[in-house]
Amino acid sequence: MRNLTLRQIRIFLSAAKHLSFSRAAEELELAGSGISLQINEM
């Protein structure tokens, strides 16, 4: 099992809270593709 980074955990929690990758991206000031990539790597 791969270790998760703190960044990936924050991204996951934000996406789960908003039920949306785009809203998580806005909250974290990241690109939507970055959110998707990090979730995919998890």
PDB file of N, CA and C in Angstrom:
ATOM      1  N   MET A   1       0.841  -1.184   0.000  1.00  0.00           N
ATOM      2  CA  MET A   1       0.000   0.000   0.000  1.00  0.00           C
ATOM      3  C   MET A   1       0.881   1.240   0.000  1.00  0.00           C
ATOM      4  N   ARG A   2       0.516   2.195  -0.830  1.00  0.00           N
ATOM      5  CA  ARG A   2       1.278   3.435  -0.958  1.00  0.00           C
ATOM      6  C   ARG A   2       0.893   4.395   0.164  1.00  0.00           C
ATOM      7  N   ASN A   3       1.877   5.101   0.696  1.00  0.00           N
ATOM      8  CA  ASN A   3       1.607   6.095   1.727  1.00  0.00           C
ATOM      9  C   ASN A   3       0.950   7.318   1.121  1.00  0.00           C
ATOM     10  N   LEU A   4      -0.056   7.828   1.788  1.00  0.00           N
ATOM     11  CA  LEU A   4      -0.733   9.034   1.342  1.00  0.00           C
ATOM     12  C   LEU A   4       0.006  10.251   1.875  1.00  0.00           C
ATOM     13  N   THR A   5      -0.002  11.313   1.095  1.00  0.00           N
ATOM     14  CA  THR A   5       0.595  12.557   1.558  1.00  0.00           C
ATOM     15  C   THR A   5      -0.479  13.391   2.237  1.00  0.00           C
ATOM     16  N   LEU A   6      -0.049  14.342   3.035  1.00  0.00           N
ATOM     17  CA  LEU A   6      -0.976  15.249   3.693  1.00  0.00           C
ATOM     18  C   LEU A   6      -1.775  16.022   2.648  1.00  0.00           C
ATOM     19  N   ARG A   7      -1.133  16.376   1.563  1.00  0.00           N
ATOM     20  CA  ARG A   7      -1.807  17.100   0.481  1.00  0.00           C
ATOM     21  C   ARG A   7      -2.942  16.257  -0.101  1.00  0.00           C
ATOM     22  N   GLN A   8      -2.685  14.979  -0.336  1.00  0.00           N
ATOM     23  CA  GLN A   8      -3.718  14.106  -0.887  1.00  0.00           C
ATOM     24  C   GLN A   8      -4.890  13.957   0.083  1.00  0.00           C
ATOM     25  N   ILE A   9      -4.603  13.892   1.354  1.00  0.00           N
ATOM     26  CA  ILE A   9      -5.668  13.775   2.352  1.00  0.00           C
ATOM     27  C   ILE A   9      -6.512  15.044   2.367  1.00  0.00           C
ATOM     28  N   ARG A  10      -5.862  16.201   2.311  1.00  0.00           N
ATOM     29  CA  ARG A  10      -6.603  17.470   2.276  1.00  0.00           C
ATOM     30  C   ARG A  10      -7.487  17.551   1.046  1.00  0.00           C
ATOM     31  N   ILE A  11      -6.953  17.136  -0.096  1.00  0.00           N
ATOM     32  CA  ILE A  11      -7.722  17.156  -1.340  1.00  0.00           C
ATOM     33  C   ILE A  11      -8.913  16.214  -1.234  1.00  0.00           C
ATOM     34  N   PHE A  12      -8.695  15.022  -0.727  1.00  0.00           N
ATOM     35  CA  PHE A  12      -9.788  14.058  -0.573  1.00  0.00           C
ATOM     36  C   PHE A  12     -10.874  14.589   0.352  1.00  0.00           C
ATOM     37  N   LEU A  13     -10.476  15.155   1.478  1.00  0.00           N
ATOM     38  CA  LEU A  13     -11.455  15.674   2.429  1.00  0.00           C
ATOM     39  C   LEU A  13     -12.267  16.821   1.826  1.00  0.00           C
ATOM     40  N   SER A  14     -11.606  17.691   1.095  1.00  0.00           N
ATOM     41  CA  SER A  14     -12.309  18.799   0.458  1.00  0.00           C
ATOM     42  C   SER A  14     -13.282  18.298  -0.602  1.00  0.00           C
ATOM     43  N   ALA A  15     -12.858  17.347  -1.405  1.00  0.00           N
ATOM     44  CA  ALA A  15     -13.734  16.784  -2.440  1.00  0.00           C
ATOM     45  C   ALA A  15     -14.926  16.069  -1.809  1.00  0.00           C
ATOM     46  N   ALA A  16     -14.693  15.371  -0.722  1.00  0.00           N
ATOM     47  CA  ALA A  16     -15.787  14.671  -0.038  1.00  0.00           C
ATOM     48  C   ALA A  16     -16.754  15.670   0.600  1.00  0.00           C
ATOM     49  N   LYS A  17     -16.229  16.730   1.164  1.00  0.00           N
ATOM     50  CA  LYS A  17     -17.068  17.749   1.802  1.00  0.00           C
ATOM     51  C   LYS A  17     -17.985  18.419   0.780  1.00  0.00           C
ATOM     52  N   HIS A  18     -17.441  18.742  -0.379  1.00  0.00           N
ATOM     53  CA  HIS A  18     -18.199  19.456  -1.396  1.00  0.00           C
ATOM     54  C   HIS A  18     -18.903  18.527  -2.382  1.00  0.00           C
ATOM     55  N   LEU A  19     -18.536  17.255  -2.376  1.00  0.00           N
ATOM     56  CA  LEU A  19     -19.042  16.281  -3.357  1.00  0.00           C
ATOM     57  C   LEU A  19     -18.795  16.764  -4.779  1.00  0.00           C
ATOM     58  N   SER A  20     -17.650  17.443  -4.954  1.00  0.00           N
ATOM     59  CA  SER A  20     -17.331  18.014  -6.256  1.00  0.00           C
ATOM     60  C   SER A  20     -15.838  18.279  -6.346  1.00  0.00           C
ATOM     61  N   PHE A  21     -15.221  17.808  -7.426  1.00  0.00           N
ATOM     62  CA  PHE A  21     -13.807  18.097  -7.636  1.00  0.00           C
ATOM     63  C   PHE A  21     -13.589  19.570  -7.949  1.00  0.00           C
ATOM     64  N   SER A  22     -14.513  20.162  -8.708  1.00  0.00           N
ATOM     65  CA  SER A  22     -14.332  21.571  -9.093  1.00  0.00           C
ATOM     66  C   SER A  22     -14.453  22.504  -7.884  1.00  0.00           C
ATOM     67  N   ARG A  23     -15.370  22.202  -6.983  1.00  0.00           N
ATOM     68  CA  ARG A  23     -15.486  23.029  -5.769  1.00  0.00           C
ATOM     69  C   ARG A  23     -14.291  22.824  -4.849  1.00  0.00           C
ATOM     70  N   ALA A  24     -13.781  21.613  -4.799  1.00  0.00           N
ATOM     71  CA  ALA A  24     -12.576  21.353  -4.011  1.00  0.00           C
ATOM     72  C   ALA A  24     -11.402  22.132  -4.593  1.00  0.00           C
ATOM     73  N   ALA A  25     -11.323  22.172  -5.909  1.00  0.00           N
ATOM     74  CA  ALA A  25     -10.252  22.919  -6.578  1.00  0.00           C
ATOM     75  C   ALA A  25     -10.337  24.404  -6.243  1.00  0.00           C
ATOM     76  N   GLU A  26     -11.547  24.952  -6.249  1.00  0.00           N
ATOM     77  CA  GLU A  26     -11.723  26.357  -5.890  1.00  0.00           C
ATOM     78  C   GLU A  26     -11.290  26.613  -4.453  1.00  0.00           C
ATOM     79  N   GLU A  27     -11.718  25.748  -3.540  1.00  0.00           N
ATOM     80  CA  GLU A  27     -11.385  25.924  -2.128  1.00  0.00           C
ATOM     81  C   GLU A  27      -9.873  25.869  -1.894  1.00  0.00           C
ATOM     82  N   LEU A  28      -9.216  24.935  -2.575  1.00  0.00           N
ATOM     83  CA  LEU A  28      -7.786  24.729  -2.364  1.00  0.00           C
ATOM     84  C   LEU A  28      -6.925  25.544  -3.321  1.00  0.00           C
ATOM     85  N   GLU A  29      -7.587  26.298  -4.190  1.00  0.00           N
ATOM     86  CA  GLU A  29      -6.887  27.125  -5.176  1.00  0.00           C
ATOM     87  C   GLU A  29      -5.951  26.297  -6.050  1.00  0.00           C
ATOM     88  N   LEU A  30      -6.502  25.205  -6.570  1.00  0.00           N
ATOM     89  CA  LEU A  30      -5.778  24.308  -7.466  1.00  0.00           C
ATOM     90  C   LEU A  30      -6.580  24.136  -8.747  1.00  0.00           C
ATOM     91  N   ALA A  31      -5.925  23.630  -9.764  1.00  0.00           N
ATOM     92  CA  ALA A  31      -6.618  23.306 -11.011  1.00  0.00           C
ATOM     93  C   ALA A  31      -7.448  22.039 -10.805  1.00  0.00           C
ATOM     94  N   GLY A  32      -8.568  21.970 -11.487  1.00  0.00           N
ATOM     95  CA  GLY A  32      -9.417  20.786 -11.384  1.00  0.00           C
ATOM     96  C   GLY A  32      -8.696  19.519 -11.790  1.00  0.00           C
ATOM     97  N   SER A  33      -7.814  19.639 -12.789  1.00  0.00           N
ATOM     98  CA  SER A  33      -7.063  18.464 -13.222  1.00  0.00           C
ATOM     99  C   SER A  33      -6.106  17.988 -12.129  1.00  0.00           C
ATOM    100  N   GLY A  34      -5.595  18.913 -11.329  1.00  0.00           N
ATOM    101  CA  GLY A  34      -4.714  18.540 -10.214  1.00  0.00           C
ATOM    102  C   GLY A  34      -5.449  17.749  -9.154  1.00  0.00           C
ATOM    103  N   ILE A  35      -6.691  18.133  -8.894  1.00  0.00           N
ATOM    104  CA  ILE A  35      -7.519  17.406  -7.924  1.00  0.00           C
ATOM    105  C   ILE A  35      -7.755  15.983  -8.431  1.00  0.00           C
ATOM    106  N   SER A  36      -8.157  15.894  -9.688  1.00  0.00           N
ATOM    107  CA  SER A  36      -8.432  14.597 -10.285  1.00  0.00           C
ATOM    108  C   SER A  36      -7.194  13.695 -10.270  1.00  0.00           C
ATOM    109  N   LEU A  37      -6.051  14.268 -10.594  1.00  0.00           N
ATOM    110  CA  LEU A  37      -4.811  13.502 -10.615  1.00  0.00           C
ATOM    111  C   LEU A  37      -4.456  12.975  -9.228  1.00  0.00           C
ATOM    112  N   GLN A  38      -4.569  13.808  -8.218  1.00  0.00           N
ATOM    113  CA  GLN A  38      -4.234  13.385  -6.863  1.00  0.00           C
ATOM    114  C   GLN A  38      -5.173  12.302  -6.356  1.00  0.00           C
ATOM    115  N   ILE A  39      -6.461  12.445  -6.653  1.00  0.00           N
ATOM    116  CA  ILE A  39      -7.428  11.423  -6.248  1.00  0.00           C
ATOM    117  C   ILE A  39      -7.131  10.106  -6.966  1.00  0.00           C
ATOM    118  N   ASN A  40      -6.793  10.215  -8.232  1.00  0.00           N
ATOM    119  CA  ASN A  40      -6.480   9.025  -9.029  1.00  0.00           C
ATOM    120  C   ASN A  40      -5.241   8.311  -8.489  1.00  0.00           C
ATOM    121  N   GLU A  41      -4.260   9.059  -8.014  1.00  0.00           N
ATOM    122  CA  GLU A  41      -3.030   8.469  -7.490  1.00  0.00           C
ATOM    123  C   GLU A  41      -3.261   7.781  -6.152  1.00  0.00           C
ATOM    124  N   MET A  42      -4.330   8.159  -5.481  1.00  0.00           N
ATOM    125  CA  MET A  42      -4.619   7.527  -4.191  1.00  0.00           C
ATOM    126  C   MET A  42      -5.026   6.087  -4.397  1.00  0.00           C
TER     127      MET A  42
END
